[in-house]
Amino acid sequence: MERNEITEDWLYKEVQCNSCYTVSGVLIDPYRWDIYTSKEWVALVQDVWPEATLAYREQIIGIRSGHHICDSCWSSVGEDFIEDDDE
C-alpha cells in the first residue's frame, strides 16, 4: 500500500477475508474513522465515505465488524445463486 502526501498520516489497517483468508491493507482517514466508530452517534459507512467504492466500504465495514468477504469470494458465492435457464 503506497502512501502519498494526502495519505501520509492516515491509519493503516488490515482486513482478512473470512472465506479465503487473503489479507488486504487499507488506508483510512483518521478523522473519518473517528466519526464512523464514534459511540456518540450512528454513522453509516456510505454517509462517511460517499465517494468511496463499494469494495472500499466493505473493507471498512469488515475492519469494524471483524467479518469481511473479499470481492473474489463474493463473485464465486454469487455464481452459486444464479439460476440456469436451461434447467
Protein backbone atom coordinates (compact mmCIF):
# COMPACT_ATOMS: atom_id res chain seq x y z
CA MET A 1 0.00 0.00 0.00
CA GLU A 2 1.66 3.19 -1.17
CA ARG A 3 1.14 6.45 0.64
CA ASN A 4 1.15 9.93 -0.85
CA GLU A 5 1.11 13.43 0.64
CA ILE A 6 -2.62 13.15 1.28
CA THR A 7 -2.47 9.72 2.94
CA GLU A 8 0.83 10.05 4.80
CA ASP A 9 -0.92 10.44 8.19
CA TRP A 10 -3.75 8.00 7.52
CA LEU A 11 -4.28 4.85 9.55
CA TYR A 12 -3.11 1.57 8.05
CA LYS A 13 -5.32 -1.37 8.91
CA GLU A 14 -5.53 -4.88 7.60
CA VAL A 15 -8.67 -6.85 6.88
CA GLN A 16 -8.77 -10.59 6.30
CA CYS A 17 -11.31 -12.39 4.16
CA ASN A 18 -13.22 -14.89 6.29
CA SER A 19 -13.51 -17.24 3.31
CA CYS A 20 -10.09 -17.40 1.59
CA TYR A 21 -8.07 -15.73 4.38
CA THR A 22 -6.46 -13.22 2.00
CA VAL A 23 -5.27 -10.13 3.88
CA SER A 24 -5.71 -6.68 2.34
CA GLY A 25 -4.20 -3.43 3.57
CA VAL A 26 -6.46 -0.38 3.81
CA LEU A 27 -5.56 3.27 4.35
CA ILE A 28 -8.17 5.18 6.34
CA ASP A 29 -8.57 8.88 7.02
CA PRO A 30 -8.35 9.00 10.85
CA TYR A 31 -10.86 11.86 11.08
CA ARG A 32 -13.48 9.88 9.19
CA TRP A 33 -12.64 6.69 11.09
CA ASP A 34 -13.32 8.53 14.37
CA ILE A 35 -16.70 9.66 13.04
CA TYR A 36 -17.56 6.15 11.83
CA THR A 37 -16.57 4.47 15.10
CA SER A 38 -17.96 7.16 17.41
CA LYS A 39 -20.35 5.95 20.06
CA GLU A 40 -21.94 9.40 20.28
CA TRP A 41 -23.93 8.97 17.07
CA VAL A 42 -24.54 6.29 14.49
CA ALA A 43 -22.73 6.86 11.22
CA LEU A 44 -23.30 4.69 8.18
CA VAL A 45 -20.28 3.88 6.06
CA GLN A 46 -21.93 5.41 2.97
CA ASP A 47 -22.51 8.65 4.85
CA VAL A 48 -18.89 8.92 6.00
CA TRP A 49 -17.34 7.82 2.67
CA PRO A 50 -19.92 8.80 0.00
CA GLU A 51 -17.30 8.90 -2.76
CA ALA A 52 -15.71 5.53 -1.91
CA THR A 53 -16.07 2.38 -3.97
CA LEU A 54 -18.28 -0.43 -2.72
CA ALA A 55 -15.19 -2.61 -2.23
CA TYR A 56 -13.53 0.02 -0.02
CA ARG A 57 -16.69 0.44 2.04
CA GLU A 58 -16.92 -3.33 2.52
CA GLN A 59 -13.32 -3.34 3.76
CA ILE A 60 -14.11 -0.55 6.24
CA ILE A 61 -17.17 -2.44 7.48
CA GLY A 62 -15.04 -5.59 7.77
CA ILE A 63 -12.40 -3.83 9.83
CA ARG A 64 -15.03 -2.58 12.24
CA SER A 65 -17.11 -5.75 12.45
CA GLY A 66 -14.40 -8.39 12.14
CA HIS A 67 -16.25 -10.06 9.26
CA HIS A 68 -15.20 -9.50 5.65
CA ILE A 69 -15.62 -11.36 2.36
CA CYS A 70 -13.32 -10.19 -0.45
CA ASP A 71 -14.54 -9.41 -3.98
CA SER A 72 -13.21 -12.70 -5.37
CA CYS A 73 -15.11 -14.76 -2.83
CA TRP A 74 -18.28 -12.68 -3.28
CA SER A 75 -18.09 -13.35 -7.02
CA SER A 76 -17.79 -17.10 -6.53
CA VAL A 77 -20.62 -17.15 -3.98
CA GLY A 78 -22.85 -15.18 -6.35
CA GLU A 79 -22.35 -17.79 -9.08
CA ASP A 80 -23.94 -20.39 -6.80
CA PHE A 81 -27.19 -18.40 -6.77
CA ILE A 82 -27.50 -17.74 -10.50
CA GLU A 83 -30.23 -19.94 -11.90
CA ASP A 84 -29.62 -21.71 -15.17
CA ASP A 85 -32.47 -21.04 -17.64
CA ASP A 86 -31.91 -24.45 -19.27
CA GLU A 87 -32.96 -26.40 -16.20
